[in-house]
Protein backbone atom coordinates (compact mmCIF):
# COMPACT_ATOMS: atom_id res chain seq x y z
CA UNK A 1 106.88 -106.09 23.34
CA UNK A 2 109.01 -104.54 20.60
CA UNK A 3 112.86 -104.56 20.47
CA UNK A 4 112.70 -100.79 21.24
CA UNK A 5 110.64 -101.40 24.36
CA UNK A 6 112.73 -104.25 25.39
CA UNK A 7 115.77 -101.97 25.27
CA UNK A 8 114.19 -99.56 27.39
CA UNK A 9 113.15 -102.00 29.79
CA UNK A 10 116.73 -102.69 30.52
CA UNK A 11 118.15 -99.08 29.97
CA UNK A 12 115.85 -97.27 31.97
CA UNK A 13 116.46 -98.53 35.43
CA UNK A 14 120.12 -98.71 34.17
CA UNK A 15 120.47 -95.03 34.25
CA UNK A 16 122.10 -94.83 37.50
CA UNK A 17 124.81 -97.44 36.17
CA UNK A 18 125.31 -95.23 33.13
CA UNK A 19 125.70 -92.33 34.84
CA UNK A 20 128.60 -93.72 36.75
CA UNK A 21 130.35 -95.21 33.96
CA UNK A 22 129.84 -91.80 32.21
CA UNK A 23 131.34 -90.26 35.42
CA UNK A 24 134.59 -92.44 34.89
CA UNK A 25 134.69 -91.62 31.20
CA UNK A 26 134.51 -87.56 31.97
CA UNK A 27 137.32 -88.21 34.90
CA UNK A 28 139.40 -90.27 32.51
CA UNK A 29 142.36 -88.12 31.47
CA UNK A 30 144.09 -90.71 29.05
CA UNK A 31 140.84 -90.23 27.00
CA UNK A 32 140.60 -87.46 24.38
CA UNK A 33 138.24 -84.36 25.06
CA UNK A 34 135.47 -85.08 22.79
CA UNK A 35 134.35 -88.35 24.33
CA UNK A 36 134.68 -86.74 27.73
CA UNK A 37 133.04 -83.69 26.77
CA UNK A 38 130.00 -85.68 25.51
CA UNK A 39 129.91 -87.91 28.64
CA UNK A 40 129.59 -84.54 30.57
CA UNK A 41 126.97 -83.46 28.35
CA UNK A 42 125.06 -86.89 28.74
CA UNK A 43 125.37 -86.29 32.51
CA UNK A 44 123.92 -82.98 32.52
CA UNK A 45 121.35 -83.72 30.18
CA UNK A 46 120.12 -86.33 32.72
CA UNK A 47 120.45 -84.12 35.42
CA UNK A 48 118.69 -80.64 34.07
CA UNK A 49 114.85 -80.31 34.20
CA UNK A 50 114.67 -79.00 30.90
CA UNK A 51 114.98 -81.79 28.27
CA UNK A 52 112.88 -83.21 25.25
CA UNK A 53 110.70 -85.16 27.43
CA UNK A 54 109.81 -84.08 30.88
CA UNK A 55 111.05 -86.48 33.52
CA UNK A 56 107.87 -85.39 35.46
CA UNK A 57 105.60 -87.41 33.57
CA UNK A 58 106.82 -90.39 35.24
CA UNK A 59 108.82 -93.50 33.54
CA UNK A 60 108.16 -92.41 29.98
CA UNK A 61 109.93 -89.36 30.89
CA UNK A 62 113.40 -91.17 31.07
CA UNK A 63 113.52 -92.67 27.67
CA UNK A 64 115.33 -89.96 26.39
CA UNK A 65 117.90 -89.77 29.26
CA UNK A 66 118.41 -93.14 28.86
CA UNK A 67 118.82 -92.73 24.98
CA UNK A 68 121.23 -89.73 25.52
CA UNK A 69 123.23 -91.71 28.05
CA UNK A 70 123.51 -95.02 25.99
CA UNK A 71 124.30 -93.01 22.49
CA UNK A 72 127.17 -91.28 24.58
CA UNK A 73 128.26 -94.30 26.00
CA UNK A 74 128.31 -96.13 22.53
CA UNK A 75 130.38 -93.09 21.20
CA UNK A 76 132.89 -93.54 24.14
CA UNK A 77 133.33 -97.29 23.76
CA UNK A 78 134.25 -96.59 19.94
CA UNK A 79 136.83 -93.76 20.83
CA UNK A 80 138.37 -95.86 23.98
CA UNK A 81 137.60 -99.98 23.29
CA UNK A 82 139.22 -100.30 26.94
CA UNK A 83 135.43 -99.47 28.12
CA UNK A 84 133.67 -101.94 26.06
CA UNK A 85 136.16 -104.26 27.46
CA UNK A 86 135.87 -103.14 30.93
CA UNK A 87 131.88 -103.13 30.78
CA UNK A 88 131.16 -106.14 28.66
CA UNK A 89 127.52 -106.48 29.71
CA UNK A 90 126.52 -103.18 29.02
CA UNK A 91 128.40 -103.00 25.45
CA UNK A 92 127.33 -106.68 24.53
CA UNK A 93 123.72 -105.55 23.11
CA UNK A 94 124.41 -101.80 23.02
CA UNK A 95 124.94 -101.67 19.05
CA UNK A 96 121.79 -103.85 18.38
CA UNK A 97 119.63 -101.94 20.89
CA UNK A 98 120.36 -98.47 19.59
CA UNK A 99 119.70 -99.76 15.97
CA UNK A 100 116.40 -100.61 17.59
CA UNK A 101 115.93 -97.26 18.65
CA UNK A 102 116.82 -95.84 15.26
CA UNK A 103 114.34 -98.10 13.56
CA UNK A 104 111.72 -97.17 16.03
CA UNK A 105 111.95 -93.37 16.42
CA UNK A 106 113.46 -92.85 12.59
CA UNK A 107 116.77 -91.52 11.61
CA UNK A 108 115.67 -87.71 12.21
CA UNK A 109 114.25 -88.09 15.75
CA UNK A 110 117.22 -90.48 16.78
CA UNK A 111 119.86 -88.28 15.59
CA UNK A 112 118.11 -85.12 17.36
CA UNK A 113 117.89 -86.95 20.46
CA UNK A 114 121.48 -88.32 19.72
CA UNK A 115 122.60 -84.50 19.58
CA UNK A 116 121.02 -83.45 22.66
CA UNK A 117 124.10 -84.41 24.88
CA UNK A 118 126.41 -82.08 22.44
CA UNK A 119 124.05 -79.36 22.43
CA UNK A 120 124.07 -79.59 26.42
CA UNK A 121 127.83 -78.83 26.53
CA UNK A 122 127.50 -75.32 25.81
CA UNK A 123 124.45 -74.94 28.43
CA UNK A 124 125.29 -73.65 32.00
CA UNK A 125 124.35 -75.97 34.94
CA UNK A 126 124.47 -74.31 38.07
CA UNK A 127 126.95 -71.72 36.77
CA UNK A 128 129.35 -74.20 35.19
CA UNK A 129 129.80 -75.55 31.56
CA UNK A 130 130.81 -78.88 30.63
CA UNK A 131 134.16 -78.20 29.83
CA UNK A 132 134.91 -77.03 33.10
CA UNK A 133 134.40 -80.69 34.26
CA UNK A 134 137.17 -81.42 32.13
CA UNK A 135 139.87 -79.07 33.34
CA UNK A 136 138.75 -78.23 36.79
CA UNK A 137 139.06 -81.51 39.45
CA UNK A 138 137.13 -79.33 41.56
CA UNK A 139 134.32 -78.90 39.12
CA UNK A 140 134.30 -82.79 38.28
CA UNK A 141 133.95 -83.69 41.84
CA UNK A 142 130.66 -81.18 42.18
CA UNK A 143 129.27 -82.98 39.12
CA UNK A 144 129.77 -86.39 40.63
CA UNK A 145 128.09 -84.99 43.62
CA UNK A 146 125.43 -83.69 42.00
CA UNK A 147 125.17 -87.11 40.00
CA UNK A 148 125.18 -89.21 43.00
CA UNK A 149 122.11 -87.03 44.46
CA UNK A 150 120.09 -87.63 41.37
CA UNK A 151 121.04 -91.35 41.35
CA UNK A 152 119.95 -91.71 44.74
CA UNK A 153 116.45 -90.45 43.39
CA UNK A 154 116.61 -92.76 40.39
CA UNK A 155 114.47 -96.18 41.42
CA UNK A 156 111.92 -97.34 39.01
CA UNK A 157 109.80 -100.51 39.63
CA UNK A 158 109.57 -103.35 37.04
CA UNK A 159 105.68 -102.96 36.76
CA UNK A 160 105.63 -99.23 36.15
CA UNK A 161 108.12 -99.85 33.50
CA UNK A 162 106.16 -102.37 31.77
CA UNK A 163 102.83 -100.64 31.71
CA UNK A 164 104.43 -97.17 30.86
CA UNK A 165 106.39 -98.61 28.08
CA UNK A 166 102.96 -99.89 26.26
CA UNK A 167 102.76 -96.11 25.24
CA UNK A 168 106.08 -95.33 24.34
CA UNK A 169 104.61 -94.44 20.56
CA UNK A 170 103.04 -91.59 22.22
CA UNK A 171 106.30 -90.27 22.56
CA UNK A 172 107.04 -89.91 18.74
CA UNK A 173 104.64 -86.85 18.26
CA UNK A 174 106.03 -85.11 20.91
CA UNK A 175 109.82 -85.39 19.93
CA UNK A 176 108.99 -84.79 16.06
CA UNK A 177 107.13 -81.20 17.58
CA UNK A 178 110.58 -80.76 19.45
CA UNK A 179 112.55 -81.70 16.24
CA UNK A 180 110.52 -79.26 14.05
CA UNK A 181 110.59 -76.26 16.49
CA UNK A 182 114.66 -76.69 16.61
CA UNK A 183 114.22 -76.72 12.84
CA UNK A 184 112.26 -73.44 12.70
CA UNK A 185 114.67 -71.85 15.08
CA UNK A 186 117.19 -72.53 12.60
């Protein structure tokens, strides 16, 4: 198993826990708006059906969600070291894990996936935008409820993850195609 596959074997089943941490970051009024907005974008990305790799294909459909969440968490940890202290197990291998993802995917695709959470901040999700969750406690509570409902559905079996991650290289052409299409749109 490659380093990237090992990372994903841990990160995919941790998406529910990652979403909970991202919700805490979003609701942290002592944190600058940038990391909070990116946390909201990562949550919205994970909740939205229209992401780079459709979740409907199974375990591999969550690779992009896991990456988007982990990239947002890494950036929040840089902005607020207290998160690295509060969640040491999450952060102890995060830099190495993301480096393995960058190496596997290449800089262009990794950066493209990394921009997905930020891009999601401008889109509507059920009539709300990411910025709404920073300023409106009712909207933030609504997003927490939406995330909790999604978390309850995210159950990954280890044998399924191990079997599907053997095919992770099939995602690179799909992501490259999406990147090329985005570049063509300008």
